[in-house]
ModelCIF file with pLDDT and N, C-alpha, C, O atoms, coordinates in Angstrom:
data_MODEL
#
_entry.id   MODEL 
#
_entity.id                         1 
_entity.type                       polymer 
_entity.pdbx_number_of_molecules   1 
#
_entity_poly.entity_id                      1 
_entity_poly.type                           'polypeptide(L)' 
_entity_poly.nstd_linkage                   no 
_entity_poly.nstd_monomer                   no 
_entity_poly.pdbx_seq_one_letter_code       TEVPVIFGVITTDTIEQAIERAGTKAGNKGRDAAETALEMANLMDQL 
_entity_poly.pdbx_seq_one_letter_code_can   TEVPVIFGVITTDTIEQAIERAGTKAGNKGRDAAETALEMANLMDQL 
_entity_poly.pdbx_strand_id                 A 
#
loop_
_entity_poly_seq.entity_id 
_entity_poly_seq.num 
_entity_poly_seq.mon_id 
_entity_poly_seq.hetero 
1 1  THR n 
1 2  GLU n 
1 3  VAL n 
1 4  PRO n 
1 5  VAL n 
1 6  ILE n 
1 7  PHE n 
1 8  GLY n 
1 9  VAL n 
1 10 ILE n 
1 11 THR n 
1 12 THR n 
1 13 ASP n 
1 14 THR n 
1 15 ILE n 
1 16 GLU n 
1 17 GLN n 
1 18 ALA n 
1 19 ILE n 
1 20 GLU n 
1 21 ARG n 
1 22 ALA n 
1 23 GLY n 
1 24 THR n 
1 25 LYS n 
1 26 ALA n 
1 27 GLY n 
1 28 ASN n 
1 29 LYS n 
1 30 GLY n 
1 31 ARG n 
1 32 ASP n 
1 33 ALA n 
1 34 ALA n 
1 35 GLU n 
1 36 THR n 
1 37 ALA n 
1 38 LEU n 
1 39 GLU n 
1 40 MET n 
1 41 ALA n 
1 42 ASN n 
1 43 LEU n 
1 44 MET n 
1 45 ASP n 
1 46 GLN n 
1 47 LEU n 
#
_struct_asym.id          A 
_struct_asym.entity_id   1 
#
loop_
_ma_qa_metric.id 
_ma_qa_metric.mode 
_ma_qa_metric.name 
_ma_qa_metric.software_group_id 
_ma_qa_metric.type 
1 global pLDDT . pLDDT 
2 local  pLDDT . pLDDT 
#
_ma_qa_metric_global.metric_id      1 
_ma_qa_metric_global.metric_value   92.87 
_ma_qa_metric_global.model_id       1 
_ma_qa_metric_global.ordinal_id     1 
#
loop_
_ma_qa_metric_local.label_asym_id 
_ma_qa_metric_local.label_comp_id 
_ma_qa_metric_local.label_seq_id 
_ma_qa_metric_local.metric_id 
_ma_qa_metric_local.metric_value 
_ma_qa_metric_local.model_id 
_ma_qa_metric_local.ordinal_id 
A THR 1  2 97.00 1 1  
A GLU 2  2 97.00 1 2  
A VAL 3  2 98.00 1 3  
A PRO 4  2 98.00 1 4  
A VAL 5  2 98.00 1 5  
A ILE 6  2 98.00 1 6  
A PHE 7  2 97.00 1 7  
A GLY 8  2 96.00 1 8  
A VAL 9  2 97.00 1 9  
A ILE 10 2 95.00 1 10 
A THR 11 2 94.00 1 11 
A THR 12 2 93.00 1 12 
A ASP 13 2 92.00 1 13 
A THR 14 2 90.00 1 14 
A ILE 15 2 92.00 1 15 
A GLU 16 2 91.00 1 16 
A GLN 17 2 91.00 1 17 
A ALA 18 2 92.00 1 18 
A ILE 19 2 92.00 1 19 
A GLU 20 2 89.00 1 20 
A ARG 21 2 88.00 1 21 
A ALA 22 2 90.00 1 22 
A GLY 23 2 82.00 1 23 
A THR 24 2 76.00 1 24 
A LYS 25 2 71.00 1 25 
A ALA 26 2 67.00 1 26 
A GLY 27 2 85.00 1 27 
A ASN 28 2 93.00 1 28 
A LYS 29 2 95.00 1 29 
A GLY 30 2 96.00 1 30 
A ARG 31 2 96.00 1 31 
A ASP 32 2 96.00 1 32 
A ALA 33 2 97.00 1 33 
A ALA 34 2 98.00 1 34 
A GLU 35 2 97.00 1 35 
A THR 36 2 98.00 1 36 
A ALA 37 2 98.00 1 37 
A LEU 38 2 97.00 1 38 
A GLU 39 2 97.00 1 39 
A MET 40 2 97.00 1 40 
A ALA 41 2 97.00 1 41 
A ASN 42 2 96.00 1 42 
A LEU 43 2 96.00 1 43 
A MET 44 2 96.00 1 44 
A ASP 45 2 94.00 1 45 
A GLN 46 2 93.00 1 46 
A LEU 47 2 92.00 1 47 
#
loop_
_atom_site.group_PDB 
_atom_site.id 
_atom_site.type_symbol 
_atom_site.label_atom_id 
_atom_site.label_alt_id 
_atom_site.label_comp_id 
_atom_site.label_asym_id 
_atom_site.label_entity_id 
_atom_site.label_seq_id 
_atom_site.pdbx_PDB_ins_code 
_atom_site.Cartn_x 
_atom_site.Cartn_y 
_atom_site.Cartn_z 
_atom_site.occupancy 
_atom_site.B_iso_or_equiv 
_atom_site.pdbx_formal_charge 
_atom_site.auth_seq_id 
_atom_site.auth_comp_id 
_atom_site.auth_asym_id 
_atom_site.auth_atom_id 
_atom_site.pdbx_PDB_model_num 
ATOM 1   N N  . THR A 1 1  ? 64.805 151.871 128.629 1.00 97.00 ? 1  THR A N  1 
ATOM 2   C CA . THR A 1 1  ? 65.896 151.041 128.107 1.00 97.00 ? 1  THR A CA 1 
ATOM 3   C C  . THR A 1 1  ? 67.148 151.832 127.752 1.00 97.00 ? 1  THR A C  1 
ATOM 4   O O  . THR A 1 1  ? 68.217 151.250 127.566 1.00 97.00 ? 1  THR A O  1 
ATOM 5   N N  . GLU A 1 2  ? 67.027 153.150 127.657 1.00 97.00 ? 2  GLU A N  1 
ATOM 6   C CA . GLU A 1 2  ? 68.122 154.023 127.211 1.00 97.00 ? 2  GLU A CA 1 
ATOM 7   C C  . GLU A 1 2  ? 68.602 153.674 125.808 1.00 97.00 ? 2  GLU A C  1 
ATOM 8   O O  . GLU A 1 2  ? 69.757 153.912 125.458 1.00 97.00 ? 2  GLU A O  1 
ATOM 9   N N  . VAL A 1 3  ? 67.705 153.111 125.012 1.00 98.00 ? 3  VAL A N  1 
ATOM 10  C CA . VAL A 1 3  ? 67.935 152.846 123.594 1.00 98.00 ? 3  VAL A CA 1 
ATOM 11  C C  . VAL A 1 3  ? 67.037 153.816 122.831 1.00 98.00 ? 3  VAL A C  1 
ATOM 12  O O  . VAL A 1 3  ? 65.855 153.931 123.157 1.00 98.00 ? 3  VAL A O  1 
ATOM 13  N N  . PRO A 1 4  ? 67.562 154.513 121.828 1.00 98.00 ? 4  PRO A N  1 
ATOM 14  C CA . PRO A 1 4  ? 66.698 155.395 121.052 1.00 98.00 ? 4  PRO A CA 1 
ATOM 15  C C  . PRO A 1 4  ? 65.553 154.615 120.405 1.00 98.00 ? 4  PRO A C  1 
ATOM 16  O O  . PRO A 1 4  ? 65.783 153.674 119.646 1.00 98.00 ? 4  PRO A O  1 
ATOM 17  N N  . VAL A 1 5  ? 64.337 155.009 120.709 1.00 98.00 ? 5  VAL A N  1 
ATOM 18  C CA . VAL A 1 5  ? 63.130 154.427 120.126 1.00 98.00 ? 5  VAL A CA 1 
ATOM 19  C C  . VAL A 1 5  ? 62.456 155.577 119.391 1.00 98.00 ? 5  VAL A C  1 
ATOM 20  O O  . VAL A 1 5  ? 61.902 156.488 120.007 1.00 98.00 ? 5  VAL A O  1 
ATOM 21  N N  . ILE A 1 6  ? 62.511 155.520 118.087 1.00 98.00 ? 6  ILE A N  1 
ATOM 22  C CA . ILE A 1 6  ? 62.128 156.651 117.258 1.00 98.00 ? 6  ILE A CA 1 
ATOM 23  C C  . ILE A 1 6  ? 60.651 156.564 116.880 1.00 98.00 ? 6  ILE A C  1 
ATOM 24  O O  . ILE A 1 6  ? 60.186 155.543 116.373 1.00 98.00 ? 6  ILE A O  1 
ATOM 25  N N  . PHE A 1 7  ? 59.928 157.642 117.133 1.00 97.00 ? 7  PHE A N  1 
ATOM 26  C CA . PHE A 1 7  ? 58.495 157.703 116.888 1.00 97.00 ? 7  PHE A CA 1 
ATOM 27  C C  . PHE A 1 7  ? 58.248 158.173 115.454 1.00 97.00 ? 7  PHE A C  1 
ATOM 28  O O  . PHE A 1 7  ? 58.280 159.369 115.162 1.00 97.00 ? 7  PHE A O  1 
ATOM 29  N N  . GLY A 1 8  ? 58.004 157.213 114.571 1.00 96.00 ? 8  GLY A N  1 
ATOM 30  C CA . GLY A 1 8  ? 57.694 157.506 113.181 1.00 96.00 ? 8  GLY A CA 1 
ATOM 31  C C  . GLY A 1 8  ? 56.263 157.130 112.854 1.00 96.00 ? 8  GLY A C  1 
ATOM 32  O O  . GLY A 1 8  ? 55.957 156.736 111.729 1.00 96.00 ? 8  GLY A O  1 
ATOM 33  N N  . VAL A 1 9  ? 55.397 157.251 113.831 1.00 97.00 ? 9  VAL A N  1 
ATOM 34  C CA . VAL A 1 9  ? 53.991 156.928 113.629 1.00 97.00 ? 9  VAL A CA 1 
ATOM 35  C C  . VAL A 1 9  ? 53.271 158.213 113.222 1.00 97.00 ? 9  VAL A C  1 
ATOM 36  O O  . VAL A 1 9  ? 53.300 159.206 113.949 1.00 97.00 ? 9  VAL A O  1 
ATOM 37  N N  . ILE A 1 10 ? 52.633 158.185 112.067 1.00 95.00 ? 10 ILE A N  1 
ATOM 38  C CA . ILE A 1 10 ? 51.900 159.372 111.637 1.00 95.00 ? 10 ILE A CA 1 
ATOM 39  C C  . ILE A 1 10 ? 50.475 159.305 112.170 1.00 95.00 ? 10 ILE A C  1 
ATOM 40  O O  . ILE A 1 10 ? 49.856 158.241 112.196 1.00 95.00 ? 10 ILE A O  1 
ATOM 41  N N  . THR A 1 11 ? 49.969 160.453 112.593 1.00 94.00 ? 11 THR A N  1 
ATOM 42  C CA . THR A 1 11 ? 48.620 160.558 113.118 1.00 94.00 ? 11 THR A CA 1 
ATOM 43  C C  . THR A 1 11 ? 47.923 161.654 112.315 1.00 94.00 ? 11 THR A C  1 
ATOM 44  O O  . THR A 1 11 ? 48.292 162.826 112.399 1.00 94.00 ? 11 THR A O  1 
ATOM 45  N N  . THR A 1 12 ? 46.923 161.268 111.546 1.00 93.00 ? 12 THR A N  1 
ATOM 46  C CA . THR A 1 12 ? 46.298 162.225 110.627 1.00 93.00 ? 12 THR A CA 1 
ATOM 47  C C  . THR A 1 12 ? 44.782 162.185 110.728 1.00 93.00 ? 12 THR A C  1 
ATOM 48  O O  . THR A 1 12 ? 44.193 161.250 111.271 1.00 93.00 ? 12 THR A O  1 
ATOM 49  N N  . ASP A 1 13 ? 44.178 163.224 110.189 1.00 92.00 ? 13 ASP A N  1 
ATOM 50  C CA . ASP A 1 13 ? 42.724 163.295 110.152 1.00 92.00 ? 13 ASP A CA 1 
ATOM 51  C C  . ASP A 1 13 ? 42.139 162.567 108.950 1.00 92.00 ? 13 ASP A C  1 
ATOM 52  O O  . ASP A 1 13 ? 41.000 162.104 108.991 1.00 92.00 ? 13 ASP A O  1 
ATOM 53  N N  . THR A 1 14 ? 42.934 162.466 107.865 1.00 90.00 ? 14 THR A N  1 
ATOM 54  C CA . THR A 1 14 ? 42.408 161.873 106.633 1.00 90.00 ? 14 THR A CA 1 
ATOM 55  C C  . THR A 1 14 ? 43.419 160.911 106.005 1.00 90.00 ? 14 THR A C  1 
ATOM 56  O O  . THR A 1 14 ? 44.615 160.955 106.294 1.00 90.00 ? 14 THR A O  1 
ATOM 57  N N  . ILE A 1 15 ? 42.904 160.060 105.154 1.00 92.00 ? 15 ILE A N  1 
ATOM 58  C CA . ILE A 1 15 ? 43.759 159.150 104.399 1.00 92.00 ? 15 ILE A CA 1 
ATOM 59  C C  . ILE A 1 15 ? 44.698 159.946 103.498 1.00 92.00 ? 15 ILE A C  1 
ATOM 60  O O  . ILE A 1 15 ? 45.861 159.579 103.332 1.00 92.00 ? 15 ILE A O  1 
ATOM 61  N N  . GLU A 1 16 ? 44.204 161.015 102.928 1.00 91.00 ? 16 GLU A N  1 
ATOM 62  C CA . GLU A 1 16 ? 45.034 161.844 102.040 1.00 91.00 ? 16 GLU A CA 1 
ATOM 63  C C  . GLU A 1 16 ? 46.233 162.417 102.778 1.00 91.00 ? 16 GLU A C  1 
ATOM 64  O O  . GLU A 1 16 ? 47.341 162.428 102.242 1.00 91.00 ? 16 GLU A O  1 
ATOM 65  N N  . GLN A 1 17 ? 46.026 162.891 103.997 1.00 91.00 ? 17 GLN A N  1 
ATOM 66  C CA . GLN A 1 17 ? 47.136 163.411 104.796 1.00 91.00 ? 17 GLN A CA 1 
ATOM 67  C C  . GLN A 1 17 ? 48.154 162.307 105.089 1.00 91.00 ? 17 GLN A C  1 
ATOM 68  O O  . GLN A 1 17 ? 49.361 162.546 105.050 1.00 91.00 ? 17 GLN A O  1 
ATOM 69  N N  . ALA A 1 18 ? 47.675 161.118 105.377 1.00 92.00 ? 18 ALA A N  1 
ATOM 70  C CA . ALA A 1 18 ? 48.568 159.996 105.656 1.00 92.00 ? 18 ALA A CA 1 
ATOM 71  C C  . ALA A 1 18 ? 49.423 159.672 104.433 1.00 92.00 ? 18 ALA A C  1 
ATOM 72  O O  . ALA A 1 18 ? 50.631 159.469 104.548 1.00 92.00 ? 18 ALA A O  1 
ATOM 73  N N  . ILE A 1 19 ? 48.793 159.626 103.271 1.00 92.00 ? 19 ILE A N  1 
ATOM 74  C CA . ILE A 1 19 ? 49.520 159.326 102.036 1.00 92.00 ? 19 ILE A CA 1 
ATOM 75  C C  . ILE A 1 19 ? 50.572 160.394 101.765 1.00 92.00 ? 19 ILE A C  1 
ATOM 76  O O  . ILE A 1 19 ? 51.680 160.078 101.330 1.00 92.00 ? 19 ILE A O  1 
ATOM 77  N N  . GLU A 1 20 ? 50.233 161.655 102.018 1.00 89.00 ? 20 GLU A N  1 
ATOM 78  C CA . GLU A 1 20 ? 51.191 162.749 101.833 1.00 89.00 ? 20 GLU A CA 1 
ATOM 79  C C  . GLU A 1 20 ? 52.420 162.575 102.719 1.00 89.00 ? 20 GLU A C  1 
ATOM 80  O O  . GLU A 1 20 ? 53.530 162.888 102.291 1.00 89.00 ? 20 GLU A O  1 
ATOM 81  N N  . ARG A 1 21 ? 52.248 162.086 103.939 1.00 88.00 ? 21 ARG A N  1 
ATOM 82  C CA . ARG A 1 21 ? 53.353 161.944 104.892 1.00 88.00 ? 21 ARG A CA 1 
ATOM 83  C C  . ARG A 1 21 ? 54.133 160.636 104.698 1.00 88.00 ? 21 ARG A C  1 
ATOM 84  O O  . ARG A 1 21 ? 55.171 160.414 105.322 1.00 88.00 ? 21 ARG A O  1 
ATOM 85  N N  . ALA A 1 22 ? 53.612 159.793 103.828 1.00 90.00 ? 22 ALA A N  1 
ATOM 86  C CA . ALA A 1 22 ? 54.265 158.500 103.587 1.00 90.00 ? 22 ALA A CA 1 
ATOM 87  C C  . ALA A 1 22 ? 54.999 158.473 102.253 1.00 90.00 ? 22 ALA A C  1 
ATOM 88  O O  . ALA A 1 22 ? 55.306 157.399 101.735 1.00 90.00 ? 22 ALA A O  1 
ATOM 89  N N  . GLY A 1 23 ? 55.281 159.634 101.702 1.00 82.00 ? 23 GLY A N  1 
ATOM 90  C CA . GLY A 1 23 ? 56.121 159.621 100.516 1.00 82.00 ? 23 GLY A CA 1 
ATOM 91  C C  . GLY A 1 23 ? 55.719 160.535 99.385  1.00 82.00 ? 23 GLY A C  1 
ATOM 92  O O  . GLY A 1 23 ? 56.332 160.488 98.318  1.00 82.00 ? 23 GLY A O  1 
ATOM 93  N N  . THR A 1 24 ? 54.705 161.372 99.580  1.00 76.00 ? 24 THR A N  1 
ATOM 94  C CA . THR A 1 24 ? 54.371 162.283 98.484  1.00 76.00 ? 24 THR A CA 1 
ATOM 95  C C  . THR A 1 24 ? 54.700 163.714 98.900  1.00 76.00 ? 24 THR A C  1 
ATOM 96  O O  . THR A 1 24 ? 55.870 164.009 99.147  1.00 76.00 ? 24 THR A O  1 
ATOM 97  N N  . LYS A 1 25 ? 53.741 164.598 98.987  1.00 71.00 ? 25 LYS A N  1 
ATOM 98  C CA . LYS A 1 25 ? 53.970 166.030 99.226  1.00 71.00 ? 25 LYS A CA 1 
ATOM 99  C C  . LYS A 1 25 ? 54.747 166.358 100.495 1.00 71.00 ? 25 LYS A C  1 
ATOM 100 O O  . LYS A 1 25 ? 55.619 167.226 100.479 1.00 71.00 ? 25 LYS A O  1 
ATOM 101 N N  . ALA A 1 26 ? 54.446 165.686 101.574 1.00 67.00 ? 26 ALA A N  1 
ATOM 102 C CA . ALA A 1 26 ? 55.035 166.037 102.873 1.00 67.00 ? 26 ALA A CA 1 
ATOM 103 C C  . ALA A 1 26 ? 56.247 165.182 103.212 1.00 67.00 ? 26 ALA A C  1 
ATOM 104 O O  . ALA A 1 26 ? 56.603 165.071 104.385 1.00 67.00 ? 26 ALA A O  1 
ATOM 105 N N  . GLY A 1 27 ? 56.885 164.580 102.228 1.00 85.00 ? 27 GLY A N  1 
ATOM 106 C CA . GLY A 1 27 ? 58.052 163.741 102.482 1.00 85.00 ? 27 GLY A CA 1 
ATOM 107 C C  . GLY A 1 27 ? 57.654 162.354 102.932 1.00 85.00 ? 27 GLY A C  1 
ATOM 108 O O  . GLY A 1 27 ? 56.509 161.937 102.759 1.00 85.00 ? 27 GLY A O  1 
ATOM 109 N N  . ASN A 1 28 ? 58.603 161.643 103.509 1.00 93.00 ? 28 ASN A N  1 
ATOM 110 C CA . ASN A 1 28 ? 58.365 160.280 103.971 1.00 93.00 ? 28 ASN A CA 1 
ATOM 111 C C  . ASN A 1 28 ? 58.817 160.198 105.427 1.00 93.00 ? 28 ASN A C  1 
ATOM 112 O O  . ASN A 1 28 ? 60.011 160.276 105.715 1.00 93.00 ? 28 ASN A O  1 
ATOM 113 N N  . LYS A 1 29 ? 57.880 160.045 106.324 1.00 95.00 ? 29 LYS A N  1 
ATOM 114 C CA . LYS A 1 29 ? 58.200 160.032 107.751 1.00 95.00 ? 29 LYS A CA 1 
ATOM 115 C C  . LYS A 1 29 ? 59.005 158.796 108.153 1.00 95.00 ? 29 LYS A C  1 
ATOM 116 O O  . LYS A 1 29 ? 59.686 158.819 109.178 1.00 95.00 ? 29 LYS A O  1 
ATOM 117 N N  . GLY A 1 30 ? 58.941 157.726 107.371 1.00 96.00 ? 30 GLY A N  1 
ATOM 118 C CA . GLY A 1 30 ? 59.810 156.572 107.613 1.00 96.00 ? 30 GLY A CA 1 
ATOM 119 C C  . GLY A 1 30 ? 61.257 156.925 107.344 1.00 96.00 ? 30 GLY A C  1 
ATOM 120 O O  . GLY A 1 30 ? 62.153 156.530 108.090 1.00 96.00 ? 30 GLY A O  1 
ATOM 121 N N  . ARG A 1 31 ? 61.480 157.667 106.280 1.00 96.00 ? 31 ARG A N  1 
ATOM 122 C CA . ARG A 1 31 ? 62.826 158.151 105.950 1.00 96.00 ? 31 ARG A CA 1 
ATOM 123 C C  . ARG A 1 31 ? 63.357 159.054 107.067 1.00 96.00 ? 31 ARG A C  1 
ATOM 124 O O  . ARG A 1 31 ? 64.499 158.913 107.504 1.00 96.00 ? 31 ARG A O  1 
ATOM 125 N N  . ASP A 1 32 ? 62.510 159.984 107.520 1.00 96.00 ? 32 ASP A N  1 
ATOM 126 C CA . ASP A 1 32 ? 62.904 160.896 108.605 1.00 96.00 ? 32 ASP A CA 1 
ATOM 127 C C  . ASP A 1 32 ? 63.254 160.125 109.875 1.00 96.00 ? 32 ASP A C  1 
ATOM 128 O O  . ASP A 1 32 ? 64.237 160.437 110.548 1.00 96.00 ? 32 ASP A O  1 
ATOM 129 N N  . ALA A 1 33 ? 62.444 159.118 110.198 1.00 97.00 ? 33 ALA A N  1 
ATOM 130 C CA . ALA A 1 33 ? 62.682 158.329 111.405 1.00 97.00 ? 33 ALA A CA 1 
ATOM 131 C C  . ALA A 1 33 ? 64.002 157.566 111.316 1.00 97.00 ? 33 ALA A C  1 
ATOM 132 O O  . ALA A 1 33 ? 64.719 157.450 112.310 1.00 97.00 ? 33 ALA A O  1 
ATOM 133 N N  . ALA A 1 34 ? 64.324 157.048 110.138 1.00 98.00 ? 34 ALA A N  1 
ATOM 134 C CA . ALA A 1 34 ? 65.596 156.328 109.956 1.00 98.00 ? 34 ALA A CA 1 
ATOM 135 C C  . ALA A 1 34 ? 66.784 157.258 110.125 1.00 98.00 ? 34 ALA A C  1 
ATOM 136 O O  . ALA A 1 34 ? 67.786 156.874 110.730 1.00 98.00 ? 34 ALA A O  1 
ATOM 137 N N  . GLU A 1 35 ? 66.692 158.467 109.605 1.00 97.00 ? 35 GLU A N  1 
ATOM 138 C CA . GLU A 1 35 ? 67.781 159.432 109.791 1.00 97.00 ? 35 GLU A CA 1 
ATOM 139 C C  . GLU A 1 35 ? 67.963 159.757 111.268 1.00 97.00 ? 35 GLU A C  1 
ATOM 140 O O  . GLU A 1 35 ? 69.089 159.855 111.756 1.00 97.00 ? 35 GLU A O  1 
ATOM 141 N N  . THR A 1 36 ? 66.860 159.923 111.969 1.00 98.00 ? 36 THR A N  1 
ATOM 142 C CA . THR A 1 36 ? 66.929 160.191 113.401 1.00 98.00 ? 36 THR A CA 1 
ATOM 143 C C  . THR A 1 36 ? 67.569 159.018 114.139 1.00 98.00 ? 36 THR A C  1 
ATOM 144 O O  . THR A 1 36 ? 68.379 159.221 115.044 1.00 98.00 ? 36 THR A O  1 
ATOM 145 N N  . ALA A 1 37 ? 67.210 157.794 113.758 1.00 98.00 ? 37 ALA A N  1 
ATOM 146 C CA . ALA A 1 37 ? 67.783 156.604 114.397 1.00 98.00 ? 37 ALA A CA 1 
ATOM 147 C C  . ALA A 1 37 ? 69.290 156.539 114.180 1.00 98.00 ? 37 ALA A C  1 
ATOM 148 O O  . ALA A 1 37 ? 70.037 156.236 115.110 1.00 98.00 ? 37 ALA A O  1 
ATOM 149 N N  . LEU A 1 38 ? 69.737 156.818 112.977 1.00 97.00 ? 38 LEU A N  1 
ATOM 150 C CA . LEU A 1 38 ? 71.184 156.828 112.694 1.00 97.00 ? 38 LEU A CA 1 
ATOM 151 C C  . LEU A 1 38 ? 71.893 157.845 113.576 1.00 97.00 ? 38 LEU A C  1 
ATOM 152 O O  . LEU A 1 38 ? 72.897 157.534 114.217 1.00 97.00 ? 38 LEU A O  1 
ATOM 153 N N  . GLU A 1 39 ? 71.363 159.058 113.603 1.00 97.00 ? 39 GLU A N  1 
ATOM 154 C CA . GLU A 1 39 ? 71.996 160.119 114.384 1.00 97.00 ? 39 GLU A CA 1 
ATOM 155 C C  . GLU A 1 39 ? 72.007 159.773 115.869 1.00 97.00 ? 39 GLU A C  1 
ATOM 156 O O  . GLU A 1 39 ? 73.020 159.962 116.543 1.00 97.00 ? 39 GLU A O  1 
ATOM 157 N N  . MET A 1 40 ? 70.900 159.275 116.377 1.00 97.00 ? 40 MET A N  1 
ATOM 158 C CA . MET A 1 40 ? 70.823 158.952 117.803 1.00 97.00 ? 40 MET A CA 1 
ATOM 159 C C  . MET A 1 40 ? 71.715 157.769 118.178 1.00 97.00 ? 40 MET A C  1 
ATOM 160 O O  . MET A 1 40 ? 72.315 157.771 119.253 1.00 97.00 ? 40 MET A O  1 
ATOM 161 N N  . ALA A 1 41 ? 71.813 156.761 117.313 1.00 97.00 ? 41 ALA A N  1 
ATOM 162 C CA . ALA A 1 41 ? 72.709 155.637 117.585 1.00 97.00 ? 41 ALA A CA 1 
ATOM 163 C C  . ALA A 1 41 ? 74.145 156.118 117.720 1.00 97.00 ? 41 ALA A C  1 
ATOM 164 O O  . ALA A 1 41 ? 74.876 155.671 118.604 1.00 97.00 ? 41 ALA A O  1 
ATOM 165 N N  . ASN A 1 42 ? 74.542 157.020 116.850 1.00 96.00 ? 42 ASN A N  1 
ATOM 166 C CA . ASN A 1 42 ? 75.898 157.567 116.916 1.00 96.00 ? 42 ASN A CA 1 
ATOM 167 C C  . ASN A 1 42 ? 76.080 158.490 118.115 1.00 96.00 ? 42 ASN A C  1 
ATOM 168 O O  . ASN A 1 42 ? 77.141 158.497 118.740 1.00 96.00 ? 42 ASN A O  1 
ATOM 169 N N  . LEU A 1 43 ? 75.062 159.258 118.434 1.00 96.00 ? 43 LEU A N  1 
ATOM 170 C CA . LEU A 1 43 ? 75.143 160.140 119.597 1.00 96.00 ? 43 LEU A CA 1 
ATOM 171 C C  . LEU A 1 43 ? 75.280 159.342 120.893 1.00 96.00 ? 43 LEU A C  1 
ATOM 172 O O  . LEU A 1 43 ? 76.069 159.700 121.767 1.00 96.00 ? 43 LEU A O  1 
ATOM 173 N N  . MET A 1 44 ? 74.515 158.270 121.012 1.00 96.00 ? 44 MET A N  1 
ATOM 174 C CA . MET A 1 44 ? 74.571 157.464 122.240 1.00 96.00 ? 44 MET A CA 1 
ATOM 175 C C  . MET A 1 44 ? 75.948 156.873 122.459 1.00 96.00 ? 44 MET A C  1 
ATOM 176 O O  . MET A 1 44 ? 76.359 156.674 123.602 1.00 96.00 ? 44 MET A O  1 
ATOM 177 N N  . ASP A 1 45 ? 76.674 156.586 121.379 1.00 94.00 ? 45 ASP A N  1 
ATOM 178 C CA . ASP A 1 45 ? 78.049 156.090 121.506 1.00 94.00 ? 45 ASP A CA 1 
ATOM 179 C C  . ASP A 1 45 ? 78.961 157.110 122.169 1.00 94.00 ? 45 ASP A C  1 
ATOM 180 O O  . ASP A 1 45 ? 79.956 156.748 122.796 1.00 94.00 ? 45 ASP A O  1 
ATOM 181 N N  . GLN A 1 46 ? 78.622 158.377 122.030 1.00 93.00 ? 46 GLN A N  1 
ATOM 182 C CA . GLN A 1 46 ? 79.481 159.452 122.546 1.00 93.00 ? 46 GLN A CA 1 
ATOM 183 C C  . GLN A 1 46 ? 79.130 159.900 123.965 1.00 93.00 ? 46 GLN A C  1 
ATOM 184 O O  . GLN A 1 46 ? 79.904 160.612 124.606 1.00 93.00 ? 46 GLN A O  1 
ATOM 185 N N  . LEU A 1 47 ? 77.982 159.486 124.443 1.00 92.00 ? 47 LEU A N  1 
ATOM 186 C CA . LEU A 1 47 ? 77.555 159.959 125.768 1.00 92.00 ? 47 LEU A CA 1 
ATOM 187 C C  . LEU A 1 47 ? 77.999 159.031 126.870 1.00 92.00 ? 47 LEU A C  1 
ATOM 188 O O  . LEU A 1 47 ? 77.720 159.285 128.041 1.00 92.00 ? 47 LEU A O  1 
#
């Protein structure tokens, strides 16, 4: 589609690892994905 589709799906071995990546020790991967989407939307405007 040439539309940025951002992969913010976490894949973990344990529930604890998942919780860490969803807003505790390892940050929030949803937040990271949103930042990537913003940057890519703006980048695509320039290409």
